C-alpha atoms as a PDB file:
ATOM      1  CA  MET A   1       0.121   0.446  -0.128  1.00  0.00           C
ATOM      2  CA  GLY A   2       1.066   3.528  -0.836  1.00  0.00           C
ATOM      3  CA  ARG A   3       0.266   7.157  -1.235  1.00  0.00           C
ATOM      4  CA  ALA A   4      -0.530   8.291  -4.602  1.00  0.00           C
ATOM      5  CA  GLY A   5       1.844  11.488  -3.724  1.00  0.00           C
ATOM      6  CA  ASN A   6       4.752   8.992  -3.853  1.00  0.00           C
ATOM      7  CA  TRP A   7       4.322   7.274  -6.947  1.00  0.00           C
ATOM      8  CA  GLY A   8       5.610   9.693  -9.395  1.00  0.00           C
ATOM      9  CA  ARG A   9       3.800  11.819 -11.634  1.00  0.00           C
ATOM     10  CA  MET A  10       2.453   9.202 -14.494  1.00  0.00           C
ATOM     11  CA  GLN A  11       0.941   7.034 -11.417  1.00  0.00           C
ATOM     12  CA  LEU A  12      -0.716  10.012 -10.556  1.00  0.00           C
ATOM     13  CA  ASP A  13      -2.189  10.870 -13.381  1.00  0.00           C
ATOM     14  CA  ASP A  14      -3.360   7.357 -13.773  1.00  0.00           C
ATOM     15  CA  VAL A  15      -4.876   7.695 -10.441  1.00  0.00           C
ATOM     16  CA  ALA A  16      -6.920  10.679 -11.426  1.00  0.00           C
ATOM     17  CA  THR A  17      -7.738   9.038 -14.429  1.00  0.00           C
ATOM     18  CA  ILE A  18      -9.423   5.968 -12.573  1.00  0.00           C
ATOM     19  CA  LEU A  19     -11.221   8.561 -10.543  1.00  0.00           C
ATOM     20  CA  GLY A  20     -12.497  10.307 -13.479  1.00  0.00           C
ATOM     21  CA  LYS A  21     -13.989   7.238 -14.745  1.00  0.00           C
ATOM     22  CA  ALA A  22     -15.763   6.711 -11.477  1.00  0.00           C
ATOM     23  CA  ASP A  23     -19.381   8.351 -11.508  1.00  0.00           C
ATOM     24  CA  PHE A  24     -19.713   9.862  -8.659  1.00  0.00           C
ATOM     25  CA  PHE A  25     -15.928  12.028  -9.440  1.00  0.00           C
ATOM     26  CA  GLU A  26     -17.431  13.630 -12.522  1.00  0.00           C
ATOM     27  CA  ILE A  27     -18.938  16.250  -9.992  1.00  0.00           C
ATOM     28  CA  CYS A  28     -14.742  17.538  -9.709  1.00  0.00           C
ATOM     29  CA  ASP A  29     -12.693  18.680 -12.128  1.00  0.00           C
ATOM     30  CA  ALA A  30      -9.660  17.238 -13.601  1.00  0.00           C
ATOM     31  CA  GLU A  31      -7.352  19.619 -10.873  1.00  0.00           C
ATOM     32  CA  GLN A  32      -9.932  18.474  -7.993  1.00  0.00           C
ATOM     33  CA  ARG A  33      -9.259  14.890  -8.971  1.00  0.00           C
ATOM     34  CA  ARG A  34      -5.752  15.361  -9.130  1.00  0.00           C
ATOM     35  CA  LEU A  35      -5.807  16.731  -5.977  1.00  0.00           C
ATOM     36  CA  LEU A  36      -7.739  13.756  -4.701  1.00  0.00           C
ATOM     37  CA  ALA A  37      -5.558  11.363  -6.221  1.00  0.00           C
ATOM     38  CA  PHE A  38      -2.552  12.824  -4.368  1.00  0.00           C
ATOM     39  CA  ALA A  39      -4.402  11.926  -1.140  1.00  0.00           C
ATOM     40  CA  ALA A  40      -5.835   8.671  -2.303  1.00  0.00           C
ATOM     41  CA  GLU A  41      -4.217   5.554  -1.173  1.00  0.00           C
ATOM     42  CA  ARG A  42      -4.394   2.307  -3.395  1.00  0.00           C
ATOM     43  CA  MET A  43      -4.679  -0.592  -1.296  1.00  0.00           C
ATOM     44  CA  ARG A  44      -4.315  -4.331  -2.284  1.00  0.00           C
ATOM     45  CA  HIS A  45      -6.681  -6.883  -0.566  1.00  0.00           C
ATOM     46  CA  LYS A  46      -6.197 -10.500  -1.228  1.00  0.00           C
ATOM     47  CA  PRO A  47      -9.443 -13.345  -2.221  1.00  0.00           C
ATOM     48  CA  GLY A  48     -11.599 -12.896   0.706  1.00  0.00           C
ATOM     49  CA  ALA A  49      -9.959 -10.120   2.171  1.00  0.00           C
ATOM     50  CA  LEU A  50     -12.096  -8.033   4.410  1.00  0.00           C
ATOM     51  CA  ILE A  51     -12.204  -4.107   3.454  1.00  0.00           C
ATOM     52  CA  TYR A  52     -14.347  -3.137   5.922  1.00  0.00           C
ATOM     53  CA  LYS A  53     -18.040  -3.771   7.678  1.00  0.00           C
ATOM     54  CA  VAL A  54     -21.211  -3.003   8.633  1.00  0.00           C
ATOM     55  CA  GLY A  55     -20.859  -0.512  11.453  1.00  0.00           C
ATOM     56  CA  ASP A  56     -17.500   0.288  10.889  1.00  0.00           C
ATOM     57  CA  THR A  57     -17.199   4.277  10.979  1.00  0.00           C
ATOM     58  CA  ALA A  58     -16.281   5.509   7.432  1.00  0.00           C
ATOM     59  CA  ALA A  59     -13.342   7.427   6.852  1.00  0.00           C
ATOM     60  CA  GLY A  60     -13.985   7.730   3.192  1.00  0.00           C
ATOM     61  CA  ALA A  61     -15.029   5.968   0.439  1.00  0.00           C
ATOM     62  CA  HIS A  62     -13.144   3.155  -1.979  1.00  0.00           C
ATOM     63  CA  VAL A  63     -13.311   3.203  -6.145  1.00  0.00           C
ATOM     64  CA  LEU A  64     -12.666   0.025  -7.249  1.00  0.00           C
ATOM     65  CA  VAL A  65      -9.677  -0.039  -9.534  1.00  0.00           C
ATOM     66  CA  SER A  66      -9.437  -3.943 -10.592  1.00  0.00           C
ATOM     67  CA  GLY A  67     -10.632  -7.550  -9.157  1.00  0.00           C
ATOM     68  CA  THR A  68     -13.826  -8.276  -7.609  1.00  0.00           C
ATOM     69  CA  VAL A  69     -15.840  -7.363  -4.490  1.00  0.00           C
ATOM     70  CA  ALA A  70     -19.107  -7.905  -2.896  1.00  0.00           C
ATOM     71  CA  THR A  71     -20.875  -6.128  -0.662  1.00  0.00           C
ATOM     72  CA  THR A  72     -23.846  -7.366   1.767  1.00  0.00           C
ATOM     73  CA  ALA A  73     -25.594  -6.558   4.640  1.00  0.00           C
ATOM     74  CA  ASP A  74     -24.400  -8.626   7.276  1.00  0.00           C
ATOM     75  CA  LEU A  75     -21.849  -8.148   9.512  1.00  0.00           C
ATOM     76  CA  GLU A  76     -19.938 -11.325   8.862  1.00  0.00           C
ATOM     77  CA  GLY A  77     -20.430 -10.896   4.558  1.00  0.00           C
ATOM     78  CA  GLN A  78     -21.924 -14.128   4.402  1.00  0.00           C
ATOM     79  CA  GLY A  79     -25.372 -12.780   3.268  1.00  0.00           C
ATOM     80  CA  ASP A  80     -26.982 -12.434  -0.282  1.00  0.00           C
ATOM     81  CA  PRO A  81     -24.000 -10.622  -1.847  1.00  0.00           C
ATOM     82  CA  HIS A  82     -24.064  -8.104  -4.726  1.00  0.00           C
ATOM     83  CA  VAL A  83     -20.818  -8.724  -6.594  1.00  0.00           C
ATOM     84  CA  VAL A  84     -19.193  -5.657  -9.041  1.00  0.00           C
ATOM     85  CA  SER A  85     -16.449  -5.952 -11.189  1.00  0.00           C
ATOM     86  CA  LYS A  86     -16.788  -2.345 -12.891  1.00  0.00           C
ATOM     87  CA  VAL A  87     -13.473  -0.348 -12.786  1.00  0.00           C
ATOM     88  CA  GLY A  88     -14.338   2.958 -10.667  1.00  0.00           C
ATOM     89  CA  THR A  89     -17.844   2.134  -8.852  1.00  0.00           C
ATOM     90  CA  VAL A  90     -17.175   3.862  -5.660  1.00  0.00           C
ATOM     91  CA  PHE A  91     -18.331   2.232  -2.481  1.00  0.00           C
ATOM     92  CA  GLY A  92     -19.828   4.683   0.476  1.00  0.00           C
ATOM     93  CA  ALA A  93     -19.751   8.050  -1.230  1.00  0.00           C
ATOM     94  CA  MET A  94     -21.245   9.601   1.488  1.00  0.00           C
ATOM     95  CA  ALA A  95     -18.820   8.797   3.910  1.00  0.00           C
ATOM     96  CA  LEU A  96     -17.072  11.772   1.747  1.00  0.00           C
ATOM     97  CA  VAL A  97     -19.032  14.040   3.596  1.00  0.00           C
ATOM     98  CA  VAL A  98     -20.353  12.431   6.705  1.00  0.00           C
ATOM     99  CA  ALA A  99     -18.930  10.392   9.127  1.00  0.00           C
ATOM    100  CA  LYS A 100     -21.536   7.411   9.576  1.00  0.00           C
ATOM    101  CA  PRO A 101     -21.455   3.343  10.401  1.00  0.00           C
ATOM    102  CA  ARG A 102     -20.960   1.761   7.294  1.00  0.00           C
ATOM    103  CA  PRO A 103     -24.182   0.188   6.274  1.00  0.00           C
ATOM    104  CA  VAL A 104     -22.872  -2.902   4.103  1.00  0.00           C
ATOM    105  CA  THR A 105     -19.775  -5.258   4.383  1.00  0.00           C
ATOM    106  CA  LEU A 106     -17.300  -5.179   1.586  1.00  0.00           C
ATOM    107  CA  LYS A 107     -15.165  -7.962   0.749  1.00  0.00           C
ATOM    108  CA  SER A 108     -12.872  -9.297  -2.038  1.00  0.00           C
ATOM    109  CA  ILE A 109     -13.620 -12.286  -3.955  1.00  0.00           C
ATOM    110  CA  ASP A 110     -10.363 -12.443  -5.904  1.00  0.00           C
ATOM    111  CA  TYR A 111      -7.453 -10.301  -5.831  1.00  0.00           C
ATOM    112  CA  ALA A 112      -8.603  -6.388  -6.122  1.00  0.00           C
ATOM    113  CA  GLU A 113      -7.329  -3.260  -6.106  1.00  0.00           C
ATOM    114  CA  THR A 114      -9.584   0.137  -4.554  1.00  0.00           C
ATOM    115  CA  LEU A 115      -8.355   3.534  -3.871  1.00  0.00           C
ATOM    116  CA  PHE A 116      -9.143   4.903  -0.628  1.00  0.00           C
ATOM    117  CA  VAL A 117     -10.241   8.458  -1.028  1.00  0.00           C
ATOM    118  CA  PRO A 118      -9.965   9.935   2.494  1.00  0.00           C
ATOM    119  CA  ARG A 119     -13.151  12.229   3.204  1.00  0.00           C
ATOM    120  CA  SER A 120     -10.560  14.792   5.156  1.00  0.00           C
ATOM    121  CA  ALA A 121      -9.098  15.424   1.441  1.00  0.00           C
ATOM    122  CA  PHE A 122     -12.677  15.656   0.038  1.00  0.00           C
ATOM    123  CA  LYS A 123     -13.678  18.031   2.848  1.00  0.00           C
ATOM    124  CA  LYS A 124     -11.043  20.497   1.542  1.00  0.00           C
ATOM    125  CA  LEU A 125     -12.343  20.604  -1.642  1.00  0.00           C
ATOM    126  CA  ILE A 126     -15.654  21.281  -0.775  1.00  0.00           C
ATOM    127  CA  ASP A 127     -14.815  23.987   1.648  1.00  0.00           C
ATOM    128  CA  GLY A 128     -13.105  25.405  -0.829  1.00  0.00           C
ATOM    129  CA  ASP A 129     -15.586  25.392  -3.836  1.00  0.00           C
ATOM    130  CA  PRO A 130     -19.486  25.802  -2.605  1.00  0.00           C
ATOM    131  CA  GLY A 131     -20.163  24.607  -6.151  1.00  0.00           C
ATOM    132  CA  LEU A 132     -18.682  21.349  -5.656  1.00  0.00           C
ATOM    133  CA  ALA A 133     -20.334  20.904  -2.355  1.00  0.00           C
ATOM    134  CA  ALA A 134     -24.042  21.795  -3.889  1.00  0.00           C
ATOM    135  CA  ARG A 135     -23.081  19.159  -6.364  1.00  0.00           C
ATOM    136  CA  ALA A 136     -21.783  16.584  -3.924  1.00  0.00           C
ATOM    137  CA  ALA A 137     -25.056  16.996  -2.210  1.00  0.00           C
ATOM    138  CA  SER A 138     -27.048  16.481  -5.374  1.00  0.00           C
ATOM    139  CA  ARG A 139     -25.261  13.529  -6.385  1.00  0.00           C
ATOM    140  CA  ILE A 140     -25.496  11.722  -3.072  1.00  0.00           C
ATOM    141  CA  ARG A 141     -29.530  13.045  -2.656  1.00  0.00           C
ATOM    142  CA  GLU A 142     -29.748  11.394  -6.518  1.00  0.00           C
ATOM    143  CA  GLU A 143     -27.888   7.836  -4.917  1.00  0.00           C
ATOM    144  CA  LEU A 144     -30.261   8.066  -2.343  1.00  0.00           C
ATOM    145  CA  LEU A 145     -33.299   8.330  -4.053  1.00  0.00           C
ATOM    146  CA  SER A 146     -32.442   5.483  -6.542  1.00  0.00           C
ATOM    147  CA  TYR A 147     -31.377   3.418  -3.309  1.00  0.00           C
ATOM    148  CA  LEU A 148     -34.793   4.112  -1.550  1.00  0.00           C
ATOM    149  CA  GLY A 149     -36.713   3.496  -5.132  1.00  0.00           C
ATOM    150  CA  ALA A 150     -35.209  -0.144  -5.443  1.00  0.00           C
ATOM    151  CA  ILE A 151     -35.869  -1.069  -1.976  1.00  0.00           C
ATOM    152  CA  ALA A 152     -39.795   0.109  -2.491  1.00  0.00           C
ATOM    153  CA  GLY A 153     -39.657  -2.415  -5.720  1.00  0.00           C
ATOM    154  CA  VAL A 154     -38.242  -4.996  -3.539  1.00  0.00           C
ATOM    155  CA  ARG A 155     -40.537  -4.905  -0.993  1.00  0.00           C
ATOM    156  CA  GLY A 156     -43.617  -4.548  -3.484  1.00  0.00           C
ATOM    157  CA  ARG A 157     -42.333  -7.734  -4.536  1.00  0.00           C
ATOM    158  CA  ILE A 158     -41.961  -9.682  -1.694  1.00  0.00           C
ATOM    159  CA  GLY A 159     -45.570  -8.257  -0.068  1.00  0.00           C
ATOM    160  CA  GLY A 160     -47.029  -9.449  -3.020  1.00  0.00           C
ATOM    161  CA  ALA A 161     -45.544 -12.963  -3.176  1.00  0.00           C
END
């Protein structure tokens, strides 16, 4: 594991490019993504490794760089998993704004790499750019509404069963 700031220019640009592929970070301009890339920590996870668990206090978000991970709603990560392998997927975007307990467990399925983007770095950006703060709030609101809509759809199917 290492800090992006120690990787050199080309690798720092690669990290910024990965952030550019992440839907959530579309709200940032290229320079803001470079600043986040500098603060990000690239983490390598072995198969079956626990990245975080339900109830952990979130200090930032993870962006999938490679490999496959799964989220589950239970503490042990044994429940019905949601498997993800799309590069640029952001896990815990809300953690970039608030320190709340994690609602899910995130585990690697195979060898996986993530970028950990600390809330402290993101908050520095939004403190200096009210427009970014508004875009972040809007994006998080959209994601929550989408999530709630998905839950409502499942609840309707379960209730009708």
